Amino acid sequence: MNDKKLRIADLARQLGVHPSTVSRVLNPATRHLISASVVAQVLEKAEEVGYRPNILAAALRTKRSCLIGVLIPDLSNAIFPLMLAGINDVLSRAGYTVLIVDASGDTRSQLQVVQQMQSRQVDGLIIASTERHDAVVDYCLEEGLRAVSLNRMEDECRIPSVINDDTMSIRLAVDHLVSLGHRAIGHIVGPLKFSTSHVRSVGFHATMTAHGLPVAPRMIQESEAYTREAGRKSCTAMLKNFPQVTAIVAGNDLIAVGCLDTFRERNLVCPRDISLIGHNDTALTDVINPPLTTLQIRQRELGARAASLLLSSLDEDTVEPVELRLKPKLVVRASTGPVREAGSITALQG
C-alpha cells in the first residue's frame, strides 16, 4: 500500500484492533492508556509500513497545533542549550514540536516575533527573555495565549514561572567569601531590568547585613549586559570606585570571565590578590585559569519543569501563576581563596 495514503484505519485493520487504539498509541500524550504489548505492536507496524501521521488533520481534529514557541534572549549564551534540551525532553515525549526564536531585540521586535508564532498557531510559549515589567506577557494575557516564564520572571508574577533560587545563590556566594575572611566584597550585577539581577542585588544587601558588614552603593556595579565585554568594563569601574575590594561576586560566568580579563590588565592574580565567583556553572568554567568558583543551576531541569508546567496549563480553564524555585549549588574551585591583608589591592593598583 502507498504509505502516502495509509491511514490509521488501515493500520488498525492490519493489526485487528480498533482505530481509536491506534490513534491513542500514535499520540505520545495518550499512549500510556494502552497496554505496553499493544503499544509495541502498533509502533512496530507503523515503522514497518512507513506510516507518518497527518499533522494538519490532527490539528483540525484536536484544535491543537502541537507547536510550542520558545523565546531565548541570547542564543550564544551557554546556559540555554541545556534548558532547551530539558524543554525538548518533555515536549517531544508529549508529541510536541519546539519552535526556537531569538528574542534579543527591543520590545517591538519581540512582539513581532510572538505575533508570527501566533500566526503559526502555537499552543503556548515558554519565555526565557522575561523582563520585570514585560510587554510580551501583557500581549499573551490579552490574547489568551498560554505562557510560562523560564529563568526570569515578572515583578507582578502574572504567569507561571520556573526559576533558580537567586536569593539562595547570592547567600551561598557571600557566605563562602566571608568564611574565607573577606569583608570588602563587591557585586557586579546583571542588568537590573531582569528579575535575576534585581533579586540577587537585594539578596546581596540582606546577606552582607546579616554578616554585620556595611553595604555602600560603590560595592554594587550594574553591568550593561550578561557578556564578557560588559563584565570587563564593569570590573574596571568597580576597581576604580571600590579599590579596597578583595572579592567579587559576578552576575554570571561570562561577566566573571570579563573580570579575569581586567585582573590580567591590572596585574592582579586571582585568587591571591582578589577572589571571584561566577554564576551558572556553564561549560568550560572548570578549565579556565583559574578554574571558576560558581553557582551551579539546574539548567536542564529548569527547562523540563517549564515545559511540564506549560503542558498542564493547556488543559486548564484558568491558570494559577505558580512559581517554582530550584535550589542552586555552590561549586568551589580555584578562583576563591583567603583574603589578603587590608590595603594590598590598592597598593598593587598603584
Protein backbone atom coordinates (compact mmCIF):
# COMPACT_ATOMS: atom_id res chain seq x y z
CA MET A 1 0.00 0.00 0.00
CA ASN A 2 1.26 3.50 -0.82
CA ASP A 3 2.45 4.97 2.51
CA LYS A 4 1.21 8.44 1.47
CA LYS A 5 -2.35 7.14 1.54
CA LEU A 6 -2.02 4.91 4.59
CA ARG A 7 -4.48 5.87 7.28
CA ILE A 8 -4.98 4.99 10.94
CA ALA A 9 -7.94 2.82 9.86
CA ASP A 10 -5.64 0.82 7.59
CA LEU A 11 -3.17 0.23 10.39
CA ALA A 12 -5.96 -0.81 12.72
CA ARG A 13 -7.35 -3.27 10.18
CA GLN A 14 -3.95 -4.86 9.63
CA LEU A 15 -3.44 -5.24 13.38
CA GLY A 16 -7.00 -6.31 14.18
CA VAL A 17 -7.59 -3.52 16.68
CA HIS A 18 -9.94 -0.52 16.84
CA PRO A 19 -8.75 2.69 15.10
CA SER A 20 -9.07 4.59 18.38
CA THR A 21 -6.47 2.24 19.89
CA VAL A 22 -4.02 3.02 17.11
CA SER A 23 -4.76 6.71 17.46
CA ARG A 24 -4.00 6.67 21.18
CA VAL A 25 -0.76 4.77 20.66
CA LEU A 26 0.45 7.18 17.98
CA ASN A 27 -0.22 10.14 20.28
CA PRO A 28 2.54 10.29 22.95
CA ALA A 29 0.16 12.13 25.27
CA THR A 30 -2.34 9.23 25.34
CA ARG A 31 -0.01 6.26 24.75
CA HIS A 32 0.03 5.44 28.46
CA LEU A 33 -3.66 4.49 28.25
CA ILE A 34 -2.83 1.41 26.14
CA SER A 35 -1.08 -1.76 27.31
CA ALA A 36 2.65 -1.99 26.65
CA SER A 37 2.29 -5.03 24.40
CA VAL A 38 -0.26 -3.34 22.13
CA VAL A 39 1.83 -0.16 22.03
CA ALA A 40 4.82 -2.21 20.88
CA GLN A 41 2.78 -3.94 18.15
CA VAL A 42 1.34 -0.69 16.81
CA LEU A 43 4.66 1.16 16.78
CA GLU A 44 6.42 -1.76 15.15
CA LYS A 45 3.77 -2.00 12.43
CA ALA A 46 3.77 1.76 11.86
CA GLU A 47 7.55 1.68 11.43
CA GLU A 48 7.33 -1.35 9.13
CA VAL A 49 4.85 0.24 6.72
CA GLY A 50 6.35 3.74 6.96
CA TYR A 51 3.27 5.37 8.46
CA ARG A 52 3.54 9.10 9.10
CA PRO A 53 0.75 10.91 10.95
CA ASN A 54 -1.11 13.72 9.22
CA ILE A 55 -0.24 16.62 11.50
CA LEU A 56 -2.63 19.07 9.84
CA ALA A 57 -5.55 16.69 10.12
CA ALA A 58 -4.75 16.06 13.76
CA ALA A 59 -4.60 19.79 14.43
CA LEU A 60 -8.03 20.30 12.89
CA ARG A 61 -9.44 17.46 14.94
CA THR A 62 -7.91 18.39 18.31
CA LYS A 63 -7.72 22.17 17.78
CA ARG A 64 -4.05 21.88 18.79
CA SER A 65 -1.07 22.54 16.55
CA CYS A 66 1.30 20.66 18.88
CA LEU A 67 3.74 23.55 18.41
CA ILE A 68 5.33 25.37 21.35
CA GLY A 69 7.29 28.58 20.90
CA VAL A 70 10.40 29.25 22.98
CA LEU A 71 11.79 32.80 23.25
CA ILE A 72 15.52 32.87 24.04
CA PRO A 73 17.16 36.23 24.86
CA ASP A 74 20.65 35.29 23.65
CA LEU A 75 21.25 32.16 21.59
CA SER A 76 25.01 32.47 22.17
CA ASN A 77 24.63 32.27 25.94
CA ALA A 78 25.81 28.85 27.15
CA ILE A 79 23.08 28.44 29.78
CA PHE A 80 20.32 27.99 27.23
CA PRO A 81 21.27 24.81 25.31
CA LEU A 82 20.71 22.63 28.38
CA MET A 83 17.44 24.42 29.16
CA LEU A 84 16.33 23.77 25.59
CA ALA A 85 17.32 20.13 25.95
CA GLY A 86 15.11 19.86 29.03
CA ILE A 87 12.23 21.52 27.20
CA ASN A 88 12.59 19.18 24.25
CA ASP A 89 12.82 16.11 26.52
CA VAL A 90 9.34 16.80 27.85
CA LEU A 91 7.64 18.21 24.76
CA SER A 92 8.86 15.59 22.31
CA ARG A 93 7.57 12.80 24.54
CA ALA A 94 4.19 14.53 24.51
CA GLY A 95 4.19 14.79 20.71
CA TYR A 96 5.02 18.50 20.51
CA THR A 97 7.48 20.32 18.28
CA VAL A 98 9.56 23.24 19.57
CA LEU A 99 9.99 26.49 17.64
CA ILE A 100 13.00 28.42 18.99
CA VAL A 101 13.40 32.12 18.28
CA ASP A 102 15.94 34.77 19.25
CA ALA A 103 14.21 37.42 21.35
CA SER A 104 17.26 39.63 21.86
CA GLY A 105 15.74 42.69 20.17
CA ASP A 106 13.66 45.53 21.56
CA THR A 107 10.06 45.21 22.72
CA ARG A 108 8.64 45.92 19.28
CA SER A 109 10.66 43.18 17.60
CA GLN A 110 9.83 40.73 20.38
CA LEU A 111 6.12 41.37 19.92
CA GLN A 112 6.50 40.86 16.17
CA VAL A 113 8.15 37.51 16.81
CA VAL A 114 5.33 36.46 19.13
CA GLN A 115 2.71 37.52 16.59
CA GLN A 116 4.48 35.48 13.90
CA MET A 117 4.47 32.45 16.17
CA GLN A 118 0.82 33.05 16.97
CA SER A 119 0.08 33.09 13.22
CA ARG A 120 1.57 29.60 13.13
CA GLN A 121 -0.96 28.69 15.84
CA VAL A 122 1.48 27.76 18.57
CA ASP A 123 -0.33 26.26 21.55
CA GLY A 124 1.79 28.19 24.04
CA LEU A 125 5.05 29.98 24.78
CA ILE A 126 8.00 29.43 27.07
CA ILE A 127 9.55 32.86 27.63
CA ALA A 128 13.18 32.96 28.76
CA SER A 129 13.51 36.65 27.89
CA THR A 130 11.09 37.97 30.53
CA GLU A 131 11.77 41.40 31.97
CA ARG A 132 10.47 42.60 35.34
CA HIS A 133 7.78 44.59 33.50
CA ASP A 134 7.20 42.69 30.30
CA ALA A 135 5.18 43.70 27.24
CA VAL A 136 5.25 40.17 25.79
CA VAL A 137 3.49 38.86 28.90
CA ASP A 138 0.96 41.70 28.54
CA TYR A 139 0.28 40.54 25.00
CA CYS A 140 -0.05 36.86 25.92
CA LEU A 141 -2.57 37.68 28.65
CA GLU A 142 -4.57 39.94 26.34
CA GLU A 143 -4.62 37.28 23.60
CA GLY A 144 -5.29 34.33 25.88
CA LEU A 145 -2.03 32.70 24.79
CA ARG A 146 -0.72 30.34 27.45
CA ALA A 147 2.80 31.16 28.58
CA VAL A 148 5.37 30.17 31.19
CA SER A 149 8.37 32.25 32.22
CA LEU A 150 11.72 30.44 32.38
CA ASN A 151 14.83 31.52 34.32
CA ARG A 152 13.44 35.04 34.81
CA MET A 153 10.09 36.35 35.98
CA GLU A 154 7.95 39.45 36.22
CA ASP A 155 7.59 41.54 39.34
CA GLU A 156 3.81 41.08 39.10
CA CYS A 157 4.04 37.26 38.79
CA ARG A 158 1.09 37.08 36.36
CA ILE A 159 2.09 33.85 34.63
CA PRO A 160 3.63 30.61 35.93
CA SER A 161 7.40 30.71 36.26
CA VAL A 162 10.29 28.30 36.79
CA ILE A 163 13.42 29.95 38.11
CA ASN A 164 16.60 29.39 40.04
CA ASP A 165 16.51 30.47 43.70
CA ASP A 166 18.59 33.61 43.17
CA THR A 167 18.34 34.69 46.80
CA MET A 168 19.94 31.42 47.81
CA SER A 169 22.60 31.83 45.10
CA ILE A 170 23.84 35.14 46.41
CA ARG A 171 23.68 33.94 50.00
CA LEU A 172 25.84 30.90 49.21
CA ALA A 173 28.36 33.11 47.40
CA VAL A 174 28.68 35.73 50.14
CA ASP A 175 28.74 33.11 52.92
CA HIS A 176 31.61 31.35 51.16
CA LEU A 177 33.64 34.54 50.80
CA VAL A 178 33.01 35.60 54.40
CA SER A 179 34.19 32.15 55.54
CA LEU A 180 37.49 32.90 53.76
CA GLY A 181 37.89 36.15 55.68
CA HIS A 182 36.60 38.57 53.04
CA ARG A 183 34.78 41.69 54.24
CA ALA A 184 35.20 44.10 51.30
CA ILE A 185 33.02 42.18 48.85
CA GLY A 186 31.74 43.66 45.59
CA HIS A 187 28.84 42.53 43.44
CA ILE A 188 28.79 43.04 39.67
CA VAL A 189 25.13 42.53 38.97
CA GLY A 190 23.50 42.00 35.58
CA PRO A 191 21.02 44.48 34.09
CA LEU A 192 18.53 45.38 36.81
CA LYS A 193 15.59 45.22 34.40
CA PHE A 194 15.78 41.44 34.87
CA SER A 195 14.47 39.68 37.96
CA THR A 196 17.64 37.60 38.30
CA SER A 197 19.74 40.73 38.76
CA HIS A 198 17.25 42.56 40.96
CA VAL A 199 16.72 39.62 43.32
CA ARG A 200 20.46 38.99 43.69
CA SER A 201 21.09 42.68 44.33
CA VAL A 202 18.51 42.70 47.13
CA GLY A 203 19.92 39.41 48.42
CA PHE A 204 23.45 40.82 48.44
CA HIS A 205 22.33 43.69 50.69
CA ALA A 206 20.49 41.29 53.00
CA THR A 207 23.31 38.75 53.28
CA MET A 208 26.03 41.34 53.86
CA THR A 209 23.86 42.96 56.53
CA ALA A 210 23.23 39.58 58.17
CA HIS A 211 27.02 39.19 58.48
CA GLY A 212 27.28 42.63 60.07
CA LEU A 213 29.08 44.05 57.04
CA PRO A 214 28.43 47.50 55.57
CA VAL A 215 26.98 47.88 52.09
CA ALA A 216 27.65 51.04 50.10
CA PRO A 217 26.46 51.91 46.57
CA ARG A 218 30.04 51.69 45.25
CA MET A 219 30.10 48.00 46.22
CA ILE A 220 27.46 47.15 43.61
CA GLN A 221 28.15 47.75 39.92
CA GLU A 222 25.41 47.19 37.33
CA SER A 223 26.66 45.51 34.16
CA GLU A 224 25.04 46.62 30.92
CA ALA A 225 24.73 43.02 29.71
CA TYR A 226 25.50 39.42 30.65
CA THR A 227 28.58 39.39 28.43
CA ARG A 228 32.35 39.12 28.78
CA GLU A 229 32.99 42.61 27.44
CA ALA A 230 30.34 44.13 29.75
CA GLY A 231 31.94 42.26 32.64
CA ARG A 232 35.38 43.64 31.77
CA LYS A 233 34.08 47.22 31.73
CA SER A 234 32.09 46.78 34.94
CA CYS A 235 35.05 45.26 36.75
CA THR A 236 37.24 48.17 35.67
CA ALA A 237 34.68 50.58 37.10
CA MET A 238 34.42 48.63 40.36
CA LEU A 239 38.19 48.58 40.93
CA LYS A 240 38.22 52.35 40.38
CA ASN A 241 35.23 53.10 42.63
CA PHE A 242 35.90 50.44 45.28
CA PRO A 243 39.70 49.90 45.35
CA GLN A 244 39.53 48.12 48.73
CA VAL A 245 37.58 45.20 47.21
CA THR A 246 39.05 41.77 47.95
CA ALA A 247 36.38 39.59 46.32
CA ILE A 248 33.75 39.96 43.59
CA VAL A 249 30.52 38.07 43.02
CA ALA A 250 29.73 38.26 39.28
CA GLY A 251 26.25 38.17 37.75
CA ASN A 252 27.12 35.22 35.51
CA ASP A 253 30.12 33.26 34.29
CA LEU A 254 30.63 35.48 31.22
CA ILE A 255 30.80 38.57 33.42
CA ALA A 256 33.28 36.68 35.61
CA VAL A 257 35.48 35.93 32.60
CA GLY A 258 35.42 39.65 31.80
CA CYS A 259 36.58 40.27 35.38
CA LEU A 260 39.52 37.91 34.80
CA ASP A 261 40.43 39.98 31.72
CA THR A 262 40.53 43.10 33.88
CA PHE A 263 42.57 41.38 36.57
CA ARG A 264 45.20 40.46 34.00
CA GLU A 265 45.25 44.03 32.68
CA ARG A 266 45.88 45.26 36.24
CA ASN A 267 48.41 42.52 37.05
CA LEU A 268 46.09 41.14 39.74
CA VAL A 269 46.40 37.42 40.39
CA CYS A 270 43.18 35.55 41.18
CA PRO A 271 42.66 34.44 43.92
CA ARG A 272 45.95 35.60 45.53
CA ASP A 273 45.05 39.28 45.12
CA ILE A 274 41.29 39.09 44.58
CA SER A 275 38.74 36.27 44.68
CA LEU A 276 35.98 35.79 42.14
CA ILE A 277 32.68 33.87 41.97
CA GLY A 278 30.59 33.38 38.83
CA HIS A 279 27.07 32.11 38.33
CA ASN A 280 25.51 29.28 36.25
CA ASP A 281 28.44 26.80 36.04
CA THR A 282 28.47 26.91 32.26
CA ALA A 283 30.71 24.74 30.09
CA LEU A 284 34.48 25.19 30.44
CA THR A 285 34.34 27.18 33.71
CA ASP A 286 36.29 24.29 35.23
CA VAL A 287 39.18 24.59 32.75
CA ILE A 288 39.78 28.34 32.52
CA ASN A 289 42.67 29.84 34.51
CA PRO A 290 41.93 29.79 37.36
CA PRO A 291 39.01 27.31 37.38
CA LEU A 292 35.98 29.34 38.40
CA THR A 293 34.11 29.03 41.67
CA THR A 294 30.48 29.42 40.61
CA LEU A 295 26.85 28.72 41.41
CA GLN A 296 25.58 25.65 39.60
CA ILE A 297 21.97 25.98 38.45
CA ARG A 298 19.87 23.04 37.30
CA GLN A 299 19.60 24.18 33.70
CA ARG A 300 18.11 21.06 32.13
CA GLU A 301 15.61 20.63 34.96
CA LEU A 302 14.56 24.28 34.70
CA GLY A 303 13.66 23.70 31.05
CA ALA A 304 11.87 20.42 31.73
CA ARG A 305 9.84 21.89 34.58
CA ALA A 306 8.81 24.87 32.44
CA ALA A 307 7.66 22.57 29.64
CA SER A 308 5.66 20.39 32.04
CA LEU A 309 4.06 23.44 33.61
CA LEU A 310 3.05 24.77 30.20
CA LEU A 311 1.59 21.44 29.06
CA SER A 312 -0.51 21.14 32.20
CA SER A 313 -1.81 24.69 31.72
CA LEU A 314 -3.12 23.90 28.22
CA ASP A 315 -5.90 21.74 29.68
CA GLU A 316 -6.94 24.22 32.37
CA ASP A 317 -9.68 26.84 32.06
CA THR A 318 -7.77 29.17 34.37
CA VAL A 319 -4.10 29.07 35.26
CA GLU A 320 -2.63 29.97 38.64
CA PRO A 321 0.64 31.93 38.38
CA VAL A 322 2.63 29.39 40.37
CA GLU A 323 6.32 29.97 40.98
CA LEU A 324 8.78 27.07 41.07
CA ARG A 325 12.23 27.80 42.51
CA LEU A 326 15.03 25.27 42.08
CA LYS A 327 17.92 25.30 44.54
CA PRO A 328 21.44 26.09 43.26
CA LYS A 329 24.71 24.53 44.42
CA LEU A 330 27.98 26.29 45.16
CA VAL A 331 30.84 24.69 43.22
CA VAL A 332 34.14 25.71 44.83
CA ARG A 333 37.16 25.85 42.54
CA ALA A 334 40.44 27.75 42.47
CA SER A 335 39.19 31.33 41.88
CA THR A 336 38.38 31.89 45.56
CA GLY A 337 40.88 31.91 48.41
CA PRO A 338 41.68 33.52 51.76
CA VAL A 339 41.66 37.30 51.93
CA ARG A 340 44.95 39.22 51.66
CA GLU A 341 45.92 41.80 54.23
CA ALA A 342 43.96 45.05 54.13
CA GLY A 343 45.04 47.58 51.51
CA SER A 344 47.08 45.15 49.43
CA ILE A 345 44.98 45.55 46.28
CA THR A 346 45.00 49.33 46.49
CA ALA A 347 48.78 49.21 46.67
CA LEU A 348 49.04 46.79 43.74
CA GLN A 349 46.94 49.09 41.56
CA GLY A 350 49.29 51.95 42.22
